[in-house]
Amino acid sequence: MPSNKHRNRGNKINDDTMMPPNKQNTPNQDYEDDEIEEMQDTDFKKFMIRTFRSFQKQILELQKSLLDKTENLSRENEILRKNQNETQKLVEQESVIVKRNQNEMKSSIDQMTNTLESLKNRVSETEERISDLKDRAQENIQSNQRKEEEIRNLKNIVGNLQDTIKKPNIQVLGVPEGMEREKGLEGLFSEILAENFPGLEKDRDILVQEAHRTPNKHDQKRFSPRHVVIKLTTVKHKEKILKCAREKRQITLRRSPIRPTADFSSETLQPRREWQDIAQVLREKNCQPRILYPAKLSFVNEGEIKTFHSKQKLKDYVATRPALQKILKDVLYSETQKHGHQ
């Protein structure tokens, strides 16, 4: 107790020094202060105990709260660490995948680049081959054109040679098969002259050099008789006979109609036949058409004799002559349309 009393008195002195001057020198006041002091000391102890306990409780609660927060933070930290590890693993995996994909893409790009380069080389080679083929094709075309031209020229030469050889010939159409058994073909020709041209039959200069049928072999399935070819010694005699035949128009053998014509090669005969329809129309209009050797059309128009080697030349001329165009338009231009459709 003395210690407490001493302590209390020390507190009292301290309190007195803090109290105002009008309260420090009164005894009654000191007593009452002692009682109050004792009371305050007891209360203070209780207060201190309660405060301590409250603080202790608050500290415990705070400690518990801190522990809970620490645990939560630890758990969150662990979760974050796990997430971080997982994320890191995912990143590593993705990095590996991305790197692998990059390598694959690089490899694919390299392959595509090589493929494109190879394709470019192939295209270049193909273009070169195509160019070579075009050049060869052009050369072949030119060569073929030259060959075709040579063939045409050779055909013309052969045709001209054949026409030259056949120029003295007369071809007689419509002589029945077997009629030559009695007199031969030469005898039949003399009979034709005697029956149709009595004046020519007496002309001893007209000599038959050779006579035969064409083709040489008789086809039993053929309904019309083979043509008779009479080769005379001169072209002048042939022209003389054919002129007389044109003037008489109807020639017979034993009262059967026959038709003597000039003998031509197939190369000449075809273009001559192409003039036939046109010549017939001109003949009906009294234009005096003639098909000249080897295959030329001649006729009289506006008092002048006109000669044409081709139908194109005739078309060009007809285009400038309305009257003639009216006469020939059906036969001349219908043939053009017919060839165009073919």
Protein backbone atom coordinates (compact mmCIF):
# COMPACT_ATOMS: atom_id res chain seq x y z
CA MET A 1 0.00 0.00 0.00
CA PRO A 2 2.71 2.58 0.84
CA SER A 3 4.05 2.13 -2.62
CA ASN A 4 0.65 2.63 -4.11
CA LYS A 5 0.10 5.57 -1.84
CA HIS A 6 3.40 6.96 -2.82
CA ARG A 7 2.66 6.38 -6.41
CA ASN A 8 -0.72 7.93 -5.98
CA ARG A 9 0.80 10.91 -4.30
CA GLY A 10 3.25 11.23 -7.11
CA ASN A 11 0.34 11.15 -9.45
CA LYS A 12 -1.38 13.68 -7.20
CA ILE A 13 1.58 16.02 -7.41
CA ASN A 14 1.60 15.62 -11.09
CA ASP A 15 -2.10 16.21 -11.22
CA ASP A 16 -1.74 19.24 -8.98
CA THR A 17 0.77 20.76 -11.19
CA MET A 18 -1.67 20.32 -14.02
CA MET A 19 -4.64 21.67 -12.07
CA PRO A 20 -5.48 25.39 -12.01
CA PRO A 21 -3.98 27.59 -9.12
CA ASN A 22 -7.26 28.18 -7.29
CA LYS A 23 -7.56 24.46 -6.56
CA GLN A 24 -4.05 23.58 -5.48
CA ASN A 25 -3.89 25.28 -1.89
CA THR A 26 -7.20 24.21 -0.33
CA PRO A 27 -7.01 21.23 2.11
CA ASN A 28 -10.58 20.19 1.57
CA GLN A 29 -9.89 20.14 -2.03
CA ASP A 30 -6.82 17.97 -1.45
CA TYR A 31 -8.90 15.45 0.45
CA GLU A 32 -11.56 15.30 -1.97
CA ASP A 33 -8.89 14.94 -4.58
CA ASP A 34 -7.42 12.04 -2.64
CA GLU A 35 -10.74 10.31 -2.55
CA ILE A 36 -11.31 11.11 -6.09
CA GLU A 37 -7.83 10.00 -6.80
CA GLU A 38 -8.43 6.70 -5.05
CA MET A 39 -11.61 6.34 -6.82
CA GLN A 40 -10.00 7.21 -10.08
CA ASP A 41 -7.18 4.88 -9.43
CA THR A 42 -9.57 2.01 -8.85
CA ASP A 43 -11.64 2.99 -11.78
CA PHE A 44 -8.57 3.53 -13.71
CA LYS A 45 -7.44 0.02 -12.93
CA LYS A 46 -10.78 -1.33 -13.96
CA PHE A 47 -10.72 0.91 -16.92
CA MET A 48 -7.26 -0.22 -17.73
CA ILE A 49 -8.23 -3.84 -17.27
CA ARG A 50 -11.27 -3.42 -19.43
CA THR A 51 -9.28 -1.46 -21.93
CA PHE A 52 -6.54 -4.06 -21.89
CA ARG A 53 -9.02 -6.84 -22.30
CA SER A 54 -10.73 -4.92 -25.06
CA PHE A 55 -7.39 -4.26 -26.66
CA GLN A 56 -6.44 -7.87 -26.14
CA LYS A 57 -9.71 -8.98 -27.74
CA GLN A 58 -9.25 -6.53 -30.56
CA ILE A 59 -5.68 -7.67 -30.97
CA LEU A 60 -6.82 -11.30 -31.04
CA GLU A 61 -9.53 -10.47 -33.48
CA LEU A 62 -7.09 -8.44 -35.52
CA GLN A 63 -4.60 -11.26 -35.30
CA LYS A 64 -7.23 -13.73 -36.41
CA SER A 65 -8.28 -11.42 -39.19
CA LEU A 66 -4.70 -11.02 -40.22
CA LEU A 67 -4.21 -14.76 -40.11
CA ASP A 68 -7.33 -15.26 -42.23
CA LYS A 69 -6.20 -12.63 -44.65
CA THR A 70 -2.76 -14.17 -44.68
CA GLU A 71 -4.24 -17.57 -45.41
CA ASN A 72 -6.45 -16.09 -48.09
CA LEU A 73 -3.52 -14.28 -49.56
CA SER A 74 -1.50 -17.49 -49.36
CA ARG A 75 -4.26 -19.40 -51.10
CA GLU A 76 -4.68 -16.66 -53.67
CA ASN A 77 -0.95 -16.53 -54.10
CA GLU A 78 -0.89 -20.29 -54.55
CA ILE A 79 -3.72 -20.06 -57.07
CA LEU A 80 -1.92 -17.24 -58.82
CA ARG A 81 1.27 -19.27 -58.76
CA LYS A 82 -0.54 -22.28 -60.19
CA ASN A 83 -2.24 -20.10 -62.76
CA GLN A 84 1.07 -18.53 -63.54
CA ASN A 85 2.65 -21.94 -63.93
CA GLU A 86 -0.23 -23.15 -66.07
CA THR A 87 -0.11 -19.96 -68.08
CA GLN A 88 3.60 -20.33 -68.47
CA LYS A 89 3.14 -23.93 -69.58
CA LEU A 90 0.43 -22.87 -72.02
CA VAL A 91 2.65 -20.08 -73.28
CA GLU A 92 5.50 -22.53 -73.66
CA GLN A 93 3.22 -25.00 -75.43
CA GLU A 94 1.82 -22.28 -77.66
CA SER A 95 5.32 -21.05 -78.31
CA VAL A 96 6.34 -24.57 -79.32
CA ILE A 97 3.24 -24.89 -81.53
CA VAL A 98 3.77 -21.44 -83.03
CA LYS A 99 7.41 -22.21 -83.64
CA ARG A 100 6.50 -25.55 -85.18
CA ASN A 101 3.83 -23.87 -87.30
CA GLN A 102 6.32 -21.22 -88.33
CA ASN A 103 8.76 -23.93 -89.31
CA GLU A 104 6.03 -25.77 -91.20
CA MET A 105 4.93 -22.53 -92.87
CA LYS A 106 8.49 -21.74 -93.75
CA SER A 107 8.92 -25.24 -95.13
CA SER A 108 5.63 -24.92 -97.05
CA ILE A 109 6.64 -21.50 -98.36
CA ASP A 110 9.99 -22.92 -99.42
CA GLN A 111 8.23 -25.82 -101.13
CA MET A 112 5.78 -23.44 -102.80
CA THR A 113 8.65 -21.21 -103.87
CA ASN A 114 10.48 -24.21 -105.29
CA THR A 115 7.28 -25.43 -106.93
CA LEU A 116 6.61 -21.98 -108.41
CA GLU A 117 10.15 -21.79 -109.62
CA SER A 118 9.79 -25.24 -111.14
CA LEU A 119 6.48 -24.23 -112.71
CA LYS A 120 8.04 -21.06 -114.08
CA ASN A 121 10.81 -23.13 -115.59
CA ARG A 122 8.26 -25.55 -117.03
CA VAL A 123 6.15 -22.70 -118.37
CA SER A 124 9.23 -21.15 -119.90
CA GLU A 125 10.20 -24.48 -121.42
CA THR A 126 6.62 -25.01 -122.63
CA GLU A 127 6.53 -21.54 -124.16
CA GLU A 128 9.81 -22.26 -125.90
CA ARG A 129 8.43 -25.58 -127.14
CA ILE A 130 5.21 -23.89 -128.27
CA SER A 131 7.25 -21.24 -130.02
CA ASP A 132 9.32 -23.96 -131.68
CA LEU A 133 6.16 -25.87 -132.60
CA LYS A 134 4.62 -22.69 -134.02
CA ASP A 135 7.75 -22.08 -136.03
CA ARG A 136 7.72 -25.68 -137.20
CA ALA A 137 3.99 -25.49 -137.90
CA GLN A 138 4.54 -22.30 -139.89
CA GLU A 139 7.40 -23.98 -141.72
CA ASN A 140 5.19 -27.01 -142.33
CA ILE A 141 2.37 -24.78 -143.54
CA GLN A 142 4.72 -22.97 -145.87
CA SER A 143 6.21 -26.28 -146.93
CA ASN A 144 2.75 -27.74 -147.49
CA GLN A 145 1.73 -24.65 -149.40
CA ARG A 146 4.81 -25.01 -151.53
CA LYS A 147 4.06 -28.70 -152.00
CA GLU A 148 0.42 -27.97 -152.82
CA GLU A 149 1.55 -25.33 -155.27
CA GLU A 150 4.02 -27.81 -156.76
CA ILE A 151 1.27 -30.44 -156.90
CA ARG A 152 -1.07 -27.99 -158.62
CA ASN A 153 1.67 -27.07 -161.02
CA LEU A 154 2.44 -30.73 -161.67
CA LYS A 155 -1.28 -31.44 -162.15
CA ASN A 156 -1.47 -28.54 -164.56
CA ILE A 157 1.61 -29.81 -166.36
CA VAL A 158 0.20 -33.34 -166.46
CA GLY A 159 -3.18 -31.98 -167.51
CA ASN A 160 -1.58 -29.87 -170.21
CA LEU A 161 0.46 -32.88 -171.40
CA GLN A 162 -2.66 -35.02 -171.43
CA ASP A 163 -4.59 -32.31 -173.21
CA THR A 164 -1.75 -31.97 -175.69
CA ILE A 165 -1.80 -35.70 -176.26
CA LYS A 166 -5.61 -35.72 -176.44
CA LYS A 167 -5.88 -32.59 -178.52
CA PRO A 168 -6.37 -34.49 -181.84
CA ASN A 169 -8.92 -36.81 -180.18
CA ILE A 170 -12.67 -36.91 -180.65
CA GLN A 171 -14.72 -38.56 -177.94
CA VAL A 172 -18.03 -40.05 -179.13
CA LEU A 173 -20.74 -40.62 -176.49
CA GLY A 174 -23.69 -42.98 -176.82
CA VAL A 175 -22.26 -45.70 -179.14
CA PRO A 176 -23.86 -48.98 -177.97
CA GLU A 177 -21.54 -51.68 -176.65
CA GLY A 178 -20.71 -54.42 -179.14
CA MET A 179 -21.59 -52.42 -182.23
CA GLU A 180 -17.92 -52.36 -183.21
CA ARG A 181 -17.69 -56.15 -183.58
CA GLU A 182 -18.47 -56.09 -187.31
CA LYS A 183 -16.41 -53.15 -188.58
CA GLY A 184 -14.33 -52.12 -185.58
CA LEU A 185 -14.32 -48.63 -184.07
CA GLU A 186 -12.53 -47.14 -187.11
CA GLY A 187 -15.27 -48.51 -189.35
CA LEU A 188 -17.96 -47.08 -187.05
CA PHE A 189 -16.30 -43.66 -187.23
CA SER A 190 -16.34 -43.80 -191.04
CA GLU A 191 -20.00 -44.75 -190.85
CA ILE A 192 -20.66 -41.72 -188.57
CA LEU A 193 -18.98 -39.41 -191.10
CA ALA A 194 -20.90 -40.93 -193.99
CA GLU A 195 -24.23 -40.70 -192.17
CA ASN A 196 -23.82 -37.16 -190.83
CA PHE A 197 -21.10 -35.43 -192.89
CA PRO A 198 -21.01 -36.86 -196.43
CA GLY A 199 -18.59 -34.22 -197.60
CA LEU A 200 -16.09 -35.06 -194.83
CA GLU A 201 -16.33 -38.78 -195.39
CA LYS A 202 -14.79 -38.26 -198.86
CA ASP A 203 -11.92 -36.21 -197.44
CA ARG A 204 -9.04 -38.65 -197.65
CA ASP A 205 -6.83 -36.47 -195.42
CA ILE A 206 -8.95 -37.35 -192.38
CA LEU A 207 -7.20 -40.42 -191.06
CA VAL A 208 -7.84 -42.35 -187.87
CA GLN A 209 -4.60 -43.04 -186.04
CA GLU A 210 -6.12 -44.99 -183.16
CA ALA A 211 -9.54 -45.88 -181.73
CA HIS A 212 -10.53 -47.40 -178.37
CA ARG A 213 -13.17 -47.32 -175.67
CA THR A 214 -12.61 -45.74 -172.27
CA PRO A 215 -12.36 -47.13 -169.70
CA ASN A 216 -10.66 -50.17 -171.16
CA LYS A 217 -12.50 -52.69 -168.97
CA HIS A 218 -16.26 -52.93 -169.36
CA ASP A 219 -18.28 -52.80 -166.12
CA GLN A 220 -21.36 -55.01 -166.37
CA LYS A 221 -23.14 -52.86 -163.77
CA ARG A 222 -22.74 -49.75 -165.90
CA PHE A 223 -25.95 -48.85 -167.76
CA SER A 224 -24.48 -46.35 -170.23
CA PRO A 225 -22.00 -47.50 -172.92
CA ARG A 226 -18.36 -46.61 -172.62
CA HIS A 227 -17.13 -43.63 -174.59
CA VAL A 228 -15.36 -44.15 -177.90
CA VAL A 229 -12.10 -42.20 -178.35
CA ILE A 230 -10.98 -41.56 -181.94
CA LYS A 231 -7.43 -40.26 -182.34
CA LEU A 232 -6.96 -38.34 -185.57
CA THR A 233 -3.68 -37.40 -187.20
CA THR A 234 -4.22 -33.63 -186.93
CA VAL A 235 -6.00 -31.20 -184.63
CA LYS A 236 -7.29 -29.33 -187.68
CA HIS A 237 -9.39 -32.32 -188.77
CA LYS A 238 -10.78 -32.71 -185.24
CA GLU A 239 -11.82 -29.06 -185.08
CA LYS A 240 -13.37 -29.35 -188.55
CA ILE A 241 -15.49 -32.35 -187.53
CA LEU A 242 -16.60 -30.78 -184.22
CA LYS A 243 -17.53 -27.55 -186.01
CA CYS A 244 -19.72 -29.50 -188.43
CA ALA A 245 -21.26 -31.34 -185.46
CA ARG A 246 -22.10 -28.05 -183.72
CA GLU A 247 -23.69 -26.71 -186.84
CA LYS A 248 -25.79 -29.83 -187.44
CA ARG A 249 -26.55 -30.18 -183.68
CA GLN A 250 -28.12 -33.67 -183.96
CA ILE A 251 -25.66 -36.48 -184.77
CA THR A 252 -26.76 -40.11 -185.21
CA LEU A 253 -25.33 -43.56 -185.78
CA ARG A 254 -27.76 -45.92 -187.46
CA ARG A 255 -30.50 -43.43 -186.50
CA SER A 256 -29.51 -43.61 -182.78
CA PRO A 257 -28.41 -40.26 -181.28
CA ILE A 258 -24.75 -39.90 -180.39
CA ARG A 259 -22.66 -36.91 -179.33
CA PRO A 260 -19.10 -36.19 -180.51
CA THR A 261 -17.03 -33.95 -178.22
CA ALA A 262 -13.42 -33.03 -177.69
CA ASP A 263 -11.37 -35.34 -175.49
CA PHE A 264 -9.92 -33.63 -172.40
CA SER A 265 -8.04 -34.61 -169.27
CA SER A 266 -9.99 -34.80 -165.98
CA GLU A 267 -8.17 -31.64 -164.78
CA THR A 268 -9.54 -29.75 -167.79
CA LEU A 269 -12.87 -31.50 -168.06
CA GLN A 270 -14.11 -30.50 -164.60
CA PRO A 271 -13.72 -26.70 -165.05
CA ARG A 272 -15.23 -27.01 -168.53
CA ARG A 273 -18.28 -28.72 -167.02
CA GLU A 274 -18.64 -25.85 -164.54
CA TRP A 275 -19.28 -23.53 -167.49
CA GLN A 276 -22.08 -25.69 -168.94
CA ASP A 277 -25.07 -24.15 -167.08
CA ILE A 278 -23.89 -20.61 -167.72
CA ALA A 279 -23.28 -21.41 -171.40
CA GLN A 280 -26.78 -22.89 -171.67
CA VAL A 281 -28.41 -19.69 -170.32
CA LEU A 282 -26.31 -17.54 -172.65
CA ARG A 283 -27.25 -19.82 -175.57
CA GLU A 284 -30.95 -19.28 -174.82
CA LYS A 285 -30.32 -15.51 -174.97
CA ASN A 286 -28.51 -15.90 -178.33
CA CYS A 287 -25.14 -14.74 -176.90
CA GLN A 288 -23.29 -17.42 -178.95
CA PRO A 289 -21.37 -18.95 -176.02
CA ARG A 290 -18.41 -21.26 -176.59
CA ILE A 291 -16.20 -23.15 -174.16
CA LEU A 292 -12.69 -22.71 -175.50
CA TYR A 293 -9.62 -24.77 -174.83
CA PRO A 294 -8.71 -25.58 -172.16
CA ALA A 295 -11.55 -24.19 -169.98
CA LYS A 296 -12.46 -20.67 -171.04
CA LEU A 297 -15.94 -19.23 -171.60
CA SER A 298 -16.45 -17.01 -174.62
CA PHE A 299 -19.66 -15.20 -175.61
CA VAL A 300 -20.91 -12.11 -177.40
CA ASN A 301 -22.15 -9.15 -175.35
CA GLU A 302 -23.06 -5.73 -176.74
CA GLY A 303 -21.48 -6.68 -180.07
CA GLU A 304 -18.13 -7.65 -178.51
CA ILE A 305 -16.64 -11.11 -177.93
CA LYS A 306 -15.74 -11.54 -174.24
CA THR A 307 -13.57 -14.35 -172.90
CA PHE A 308 -13.19 -15.36 -169.22
CA HIS A 309 -10.77 -17.78 -167.57
CA SER A 310 -12.59 -17.94 -164.21
CA LYS A 311 -16.03 -17.34 -162.73
CA GLN A 312 -14.70 -14.59 -160.50
CA LYS A 313 -13.59 -12.62 -163.54
CA LEU A 314 -17.03 -13.16 -165.03
CA LYS A 315 -18.71 -11.96 -161.81
CA ASP A 316 -16.59 -8.82 -161.77
CA TYR A 317 -17.60 -8.08 -165.37
CA VAL A 318 -21.29 -8.92 -164.83
CA ALA A 319 -21.41 -6.55 -161.83
CA THR A 320 -20.83 -3.65 -164.24
CA ARG A 321 -23.47 -4.82 -166.75
CA PRO A 322 -27.00 -4.71 -165.23
CA ALA A 323 -28.64 -6.38 -168.25
CA LEU A 324 -26.17 -9.27 -168.19
CA GLN A 325 -26.44 -9.47 -164.42
CA LYS A 326 -30.20 -9.93 -164.76
CA ILE A 327 -29.66 -12.78 -167.23
CA LEU A 328 -27.03 -14.66 -165.20
CA LYS A 329 -27.96 -13.88 -161.59
CA ASP A 330 -29.94 -17.10 -161.09
CA VAL A 331 -27.31 -19.47 -162.45
CA LEU A 332 -24.15 -17.56 -161.49
CA TYR A 333 -24.99 -16.53 -157.92
CA SER A 334 -26.99 -19.65 -157.06
CA GLU A 335 -23.84 -21.66 -157.69
CA THR A 336 -21.95 -19.32 -155.35
CA GLN A 337 -24.52 -19.86 -152.59
CA LYS A 338 -24.47 -23.59 -153.22
CA HIS A 339 -20.68 -23.71 -152.81
CA GLY A 340 -20.95 -21.51 -149.72
CA HIS A 341 -23.41 -23.95 -148.06
CA GLN A 342 -21.16 -26.84 -148.88
